[in-house]
Amino acid sequence: MKTRIIIAILAVSGIFAAQGTQAAEQRGLIMANTCHSCHGTDGHSVGAMPSIAGKSPDYITDALMRFRDGKKPSTVMARIAKGFTDAEIKALATYFAKQ
């Protein structure tokens, strides 16, 4: 009986974890839409702005946090990144790393 209860709890936990992951991915997609105007569709730039698609999550996270914290100079990104929470930065980094 205990084994069945434990299995049921683990199964439900897995479902909620998967939903949490899907929600984070969806949030990253929604937030990334604002990046497309400068960095191109899905982060593939065709102009002077750097492409961010396929960069590692660590690279994107570091860059956004440095912009946000005023440690990386920019014309626009510092103002944009100031509004991001750590969770939002992680969601963006995850999204663009997969592009």
N, C-alpha and C. Protein backbone atom coordinates (compact mmCIF):
# COMPACT_ATOMS: atom_id res chain seq x y z
N MET A 1 0.83 -1.20 0.00
CA MET A 1 0.00 0.00 0.00
C MET A 1 0.87 1.26 0.00
N LYS A 2 1.91 1.27 0.87
CA LYS A 2 2.79 2.43 0.92
C LYS A 2 3.48 2.65 -0.42
N THR A 3 3.87 1.59 -1.07
CA THR A 3 4.56 1.68 -2.35
C THR A 3 3.67 2.35 -3.39
N ARG A 4 2.39 1.97 -3.42
CA ARG A 4 1.45 2.57 -4.38
C ARG A 4 1.27 4.06 -4.11
N ILE A 5 1.20 4.42 -2.86
CA ILE A 5 1.05 5.83 -2.50
C ILE A 5 2.29 6.62 -2.93
N ILE A 6 3.45 6.06 -2.67
CA ILE A 6 4.69 6.73 -3.05
C ILE A 6 4.77 6.87 -4.57
N ILE A 7 4.40 5.83 -5.30
CA ILE A 7 4.41 5.89 -6.77
C ILE A 7 3.43 6.95 -7.27
N ALA A 8 2.26 7.00 -6.67
CA ALA A 8 1.26 8.00 -7.06
C ALA A 8 1.77 9.42 -6.79
N ILE A 9 2.40 9.63 -5.66
CA ILE A 9 2.95 10.95 -5.33
C ILE A 9 4.04 11.34 -6.32
N LEU A 10 4.91 10.40 -6.64
CA LEU A 10 5.98 10.68 -7.60
C LEU A 10 5.41 10.99 -8.99
N ALA A 11 4.38 10.28 -9.39
CA ALA A 11 3.77 10.52 -10.70
C ALA A 11 3.15 11.90 -10.76
N VAL A 12 2.42 12.28 -9.73
CA VAL A 12 1.81 13.60 -9.69
C VAL A 12 2.88 14.69 -9.64
N SER A 13 3.93 14.47 -8.88
CA SER A 13 5.02 15.43 -8.82
C SER A 13 5.66 15.62 -10.18
N GLY A 14 5.82 14.55 -10.92
CA GLY A 14 6.39 14.62 -12.26
C GLY A 14 5.51 15.42 -13.21
N ILE A 15 4.21 15.26 -13.08
CA ILE A 15 3.27 16.01 -13.92
C ILE A 15 3.39 17.50 -13.62
N PHE A 16 3.41 17.86 -12.32
CA PHE A 16 3.52 19.27 -11.96
C PHE A 16 4.86 19.85 -12.37
N ALA A 17 5.92 19.07 -12.27
CA ALA A 17 7.24 19.55 -12.69
C ALA A 17 7.25 19.80 -14.19
N ALA A 18 6.64 18.90 -14.96
CA ALA A 18 6.58 19.08 -16.41
C ALA A 18 5.76 20.32 -16.76
N GLN A 19 4.66 20.54 -16.05
CA GLN A 19 3.85 21.72 -16.30
C GLN A 19 4.63 22.99 -15.95
N GLY A 20 5.41 22.94 -14.87
CA GLY A 20 6.23 24.08 -14.49
C GLY A 20 7.26 24.39 -15.56
N THR A 21 7.86 23.36 -16.13
CA THR A 21 8.84 23.53 -17.20
C THR A 21 8.17 24.12 -18.43
N GLN A 22 7.01 23.60 -18.78
CA GLN A 22 6.28 24.12 -19.94
C GLN A 22 5.89 25.57 -19.73
N ALA A 23 5.49 25.92 -18.53
CA ALA A 23 5.11 27.30 -18.23
C ALA A 23 6.31 28.22 -18.35
N ALA A 24 7.47 27.78 -17.88
CA ALA A 24 8.68 28.59 -17.98
C ALA A 24 9.07 28.77 -19.43
N GLU A 25 8.96 27.70 -20.23
CA GLU A 25 9.28 27.79 -21.65
C GLU A 25 8.32 28.74 -22.36
N GLN A 26 7.05 28.67 -22.02
CA GLN A 26 6.05 29.56 -22.62
C GLN A 26 6.34 31.00 -22.24
N ARG A 27 6.73 31.24 -21.00
CA ARG A 27 7.07 32.60 -20.56
C ARG A 27 8.27 33.11 -21.34
N GLY A 28 9.26 32.26 -21.56
CA GLY A 28 10.43 32.65 -22.34
C GLY A 28 10.05 33.03 -23.76
N LEU A 29 9.15 32.26 -24.37
CA LEU A 29 8.70 32.54 -25.72
C LEU A 29 7.97 33.89 -25.77
N ILE A 30 7.09 34.12 -24.84
CA ILE A 30 6.34 35.38 -24.82
C ILE A 30 7.29 36.57 -24.64
N MET A 31 8.22 36.45 -23.72
CA MET A 31 9.17 37.54 -23.48
C MET A 31 10.10 37.73 -24.68
N ALA A 32 10.46 36.65 -25.35
CA ALA A 32 11.39 36.72 -26.49
C ALA A 32 10.79 37.49 -27.66
N ASN A 33 9.49 37.54 -27.74
CA ASN A 33 8.86 38.29 -28.84
C ASN A 33 9.30 39.75 -28.86
N THR A 34 9.59 40.32 -27.72
CA THR A 34 10.05 41.71 -27.68
C THR A 34 11.49 41.84 -28.15
N CYS A 35 12.25 40.77 -28.13
CA CYS A 35 13.65 40.79 -28.56
C CYS A 35 13.78 40.71 -30.08
N HIS A 36 12.76 40.18 -30.73
CA HIS A 36 12.81 39.92 -32.16
C HIS A 36 13.00 41.18 -32.99
N SER A 37 12.48 42.31 -32.53
CA SER A 37 12.58 43.53 -33.34
C SER A 37 14.02 43.97 -33.53
N CYS A 38 14.89 43.69 -32.58
CA CYS A 38 16.31 44.06 -32.72
C CYS A 38 17.20 42.87 -33.08
N HIS A 39 16.95 41.74 -32.47
CA HIS A 39 17.84 40.58 -32.62
C HIS A 39 17.35 39.57 -33.66
N GLY A 40 16.25 39.88 -34.35
CA GLY A 40 15.74 39.02 -35.40
C GLY A 40 14.83 37.93 -34.87
N THR A 41 14.09 37.34 -35.79
CA THR A 41 13.16 36.27 -35.42
C THR A 41 13.92 35.13 -34.76
N ASP A 42 13.45 34.76 -33.60
CA ASP A 42 14.06 33.69 -32.80
C ASP A 42 15.54 33.95 -32.50
N GLY A 43 15.94 35.23 -32.55
CA GLY A 43 17.32 35.59 -32.19
C GLY A 43 18.31 35.49 -33.32
N HIS A 44 17.83 35.26 -34.55
CA HIS A 44 18.70 35.16 -35.72
C HIS A 44 18.74 36.53 -36.41
N SER A 45 19.69 37.35 -36.06
CA SER A 45 19.80 38.70 -36.59
C SER A 45 20.31 38.69 -38.02
N VAL A 46 19.79 39.60 -38.83
CA VAL A 46 20.29 39.78 -40.19
C VAL A 46 20.93 41.14 -40.36
N GLY A 47 21.00 41.88 -39.27
CA GLY A 47 21.55 43.23 -39.34
C GLY A 47 22.74 43.40 -38.42
N ALA A 48 22.90 44.62 -37.93
CA ALA A 48 24.05 44.97 -37.10
C ALA A 48 23.95 44.41 -35.68
N MET A 49 22.75 44.16 -35.22
CA MET A 49 22.59 43.61 -33.86
C MET A 49 23.11 42.17 -33.83
N PRO A 50 23.70 41.78 -32.72
CA PRO A 50 24.22 40.41 -32.66
C PRO A 50 23.09 39.38 -32.60
N SER A 51 23.34 38.25 -33.24
CA SER A 51 22.42 37.11 -33.11
C SER A 51 22.60 36.52 -31.72
N ILE A 52 21.50 36.15 -31.10
CA ILE A 52 21.58 35.55 -29.77
C ILE A 52 21.07 34.12 -29.77
N ALA A 53 20.57 33.67 -30.91
CA ALA A 53 20.09 32.30 -31.03
C ALA A 53 21.25 31.33 -30.87
N GLY A 54 21.02 30.29 -30.09
CA GLY A 54 22.01 29.24 -29.93
C GLY A 54 23.15 29.55 -28.99
N LYS A 55 23.17 30.75 -28.43
CA LYS A 55 24.20 31.06 -27.41
C LYS A 55 23.88 30.22 -26.18
N SER A 56 24.89 29.94 -25.38
CA SER A 56 24.66 29.13 -24.19
C SER A 56 23.80 29.90 -23.19
N PRO A 57 23.01 29.18 -22.40
CA PRO A 57 22.21 29.85 -21.38
C PRO A 57 23.08 30.67 -20.42
N ASP A 58 24.27 30.16 -20.10
CA ASP A 58 25.16 30.89 -19.19
C ASP A 58 25.60 32.22 -19.81
N TYR A 59 25.91 32.20 -21.10
CA TYR A 59 26.34 33.42 -21.80
C TYR A 59 25.22 34.47 -21.78
N ILE A 60 24.01 34.04 -22.14
CA ILE A 60 22.87 34.96 -22.20
C ILE A 60 22.53 35.47 -20.81
N THR A 61 22.51 34.58 -19.83
CA THR A 61 22.21 34.98 -18.45
C THR A 61 23.23 36.00 -17.97
N ASP A 62 24.50 35.72 -18.17
CA ASP A 62 25.55 36.63 -17.73
C ASP A 62 25.41 38.00 -18.40
N ALA A 63 25.20 38.00 -19.71
CA ALA A 63 25.06 39.27 -20.43
C ALA A 63 23.87 40.07 -19.92
N LEU A 64 22.72 39.43 -19.78
CA LEU A 64 21.53 40.15 -19.32
C LEU A 64 21.69 40.67 -17.90
N MET A 65 22.28 39.87 -17.03
CA MET A 65 22.48 40.33 -15.65
C MET A 65 23.48 41.49 -15.60
N ARG A 66 24.51 41.43 -16.43
CA ARG A 66 25.48 42.53 -16.47
C ARG A 66 24.83 43.80 -17.03
N PHE A 67 23.98 43.67 -18.05
CA PHE A 67 23.23 44.82 -18.54
C PHE A 67 22.34 45.38 -17.43
N ARG A 68 21.59 44.50 -16.80
CA ARG A 68 20.65 44.90 -15.75
C ARG A 68 21.34 45.60 -14.59
N ASP A 69 22.50 45.08 -14.21
CA ASP A 69 23.21 45.62 -13.05
C ASP A 69 24.13 46.79 -13.38
N GLY A 70 24.11 47.23 -14.65
CA GLY A 70 24.92 48.37 -15.07
C GLY A 70 26.40 48.06 -15.22
N LYS A 71 26.76 46.81 -15.32
CA LYS A 71 28.17 46.41 -15.44
C LYS A 71 28.61 46.23 -16.89
N LYS A 72 27.65 46.24 -17.82
CA LYS A 72 27.97 46.10 -19.24
C LYS A 72 27.35 47.30 -19.97
N PRO A 73 28.19 48.11 -20.61
CA PRO A 73 27.65 49.30 -21.27
C PRO A 73 26.76 48.96 -22.46
N SER A 74 25.77 49.79 -22.67
CA SER A 74 24.86 49.60 -23.81
C SER A 74 24.10 50.89 -24.06
N THR A 75 23.44 50.92 -25.19
CA THR A 75 22.58 52.07 -25.48
C THR A 75 21.15 51.79 -25.05
N VAL A 76 20.68 50.57 -25.26
CA VAL A 76 19.28 50.24 -24.97
C VAL A 76 19.13 49.08 -23.99
N MET A 77 19.99 48.08 -24.10
CA MET A 77 19.81 46.84 -23.33
C MET A 77 19.78 47.06 -21.81
N ALA A 78 20.55 47.98 -21.29
CA ALA A 78 20.53 48.21 -19.84
C ALA A 78 19.14 48.65 -19.39
N ARG A 79 18.50 49.49 -20.18
CA ARG A 79 17.15 49.95 -19.81
C ARG A 79 16.15 48.81 -19.91
N ILE A 80 16.30 47.98 -20.90
CA ILE A 80 15.37 46.85 -21.06
C ILE A 80 15.59 45.83 -19.95
N ALA A 81 16.84 45.48 -19.70
CA ALA A 81 17.15 44.43 -18.73
C ALA A 81 16.84 44.81 -17.29
N LYS A 82 16.78 46.10 -17.00
CA LYS A 82 16.46 46.54 -15.63
C LYS A 82 15.12 45.99 -15.16
N GLY A 83 14.22 45.73 -16.09
CA GLY A 83 12.90 45.23 -15.71
C GLY A 83 12.81 43.73 -15.55
N PHE A 84 13.90 43.01 -15.80
CA PHE A 84 13.86 41.55 -15.73
C PHE A 84 14.22 41.03 -14.35
N THR A 85 13.46 40.05 -13.89
CA THR A 85 13.82 39.32 -12.68
C THR A 85 14.81 38.23 -13.06
N ASP A 86 15.43 37.62 -12.07
CA ASP A 86 16.34 36.50 -12.34
C ASP A 86 15.61 35.37 -13.08
N ALA A 87 14.37 35.10 -12.68
CA ALA A 87 13.60 34.02 -13.33
C ALA A 87 13.30 34.36 -14.79
N GLU A 88 13.01 35.61 -15.07
CA GLU A 88 12.74 36.02 -16.45
C GLU A 88 14.01 35.94 -17.30
N ILE A 89 15.13 36.31 -16.74
CA ILE A 89 16.40 36.19 -17.45
C ILE A 89 16.69 34.73 -17.76
N LYS A 90 16.45 33.87 -16.80
CA LYS A 90 16.66 32.43 -17.02
C LYS A 90 15.74 31.91 -18.12
N ALA A 91 14.49 32.35 -18.12
CA ALA A 91 13.54 31.92 -19.15
C ALA A 91 13.99 32.37 -20.53
N LEU A 92 14.46 33.60 -20.64
CA LEU A 92 14.96 34.11 -21.93
C LEU A 92 16.20 33.34 -22.37
N ALA A 93 17.11 33.11 -21.44
CA ALA A 93 18.35 32.40 -21.76
C ALA A 93 18.05 30.98 -22.24
N THR A 94 17.11 30.32 -21.59
CA THR A 94 16.72 28.98 -21.99
C THR A 94 16.09 28.97 -23.37
N TYR A 95 15.22 29.94 -23.61
CA TYR A 95 14.55 30.01 -24.91
C TYR A 95 15.56 30.23 -26.04
N PHE A 96 16.39 31.24 -25.91
CA PHE A 96 17.31 31.57 -27.01
C PHE A 96 18.40 30.52 -27.19
N ALA A 97 18.78 29.84 -26.13
CA ALA A 97 19.77 28.77 -26.27
C ALA A 97 19.25 27.62 -27.14
N LYS A 98 17.94 27.43 -27.15
CA LYS A 98 17.33 26.33 -27.91
C LYS A 98 17.06 26.70 -29.37
N GLN A 99 17.29 27.94 -29.74
CA GLN A 99 16.99 28.38 -31.12
C GLN A 99 18.12 28.04 -32.06
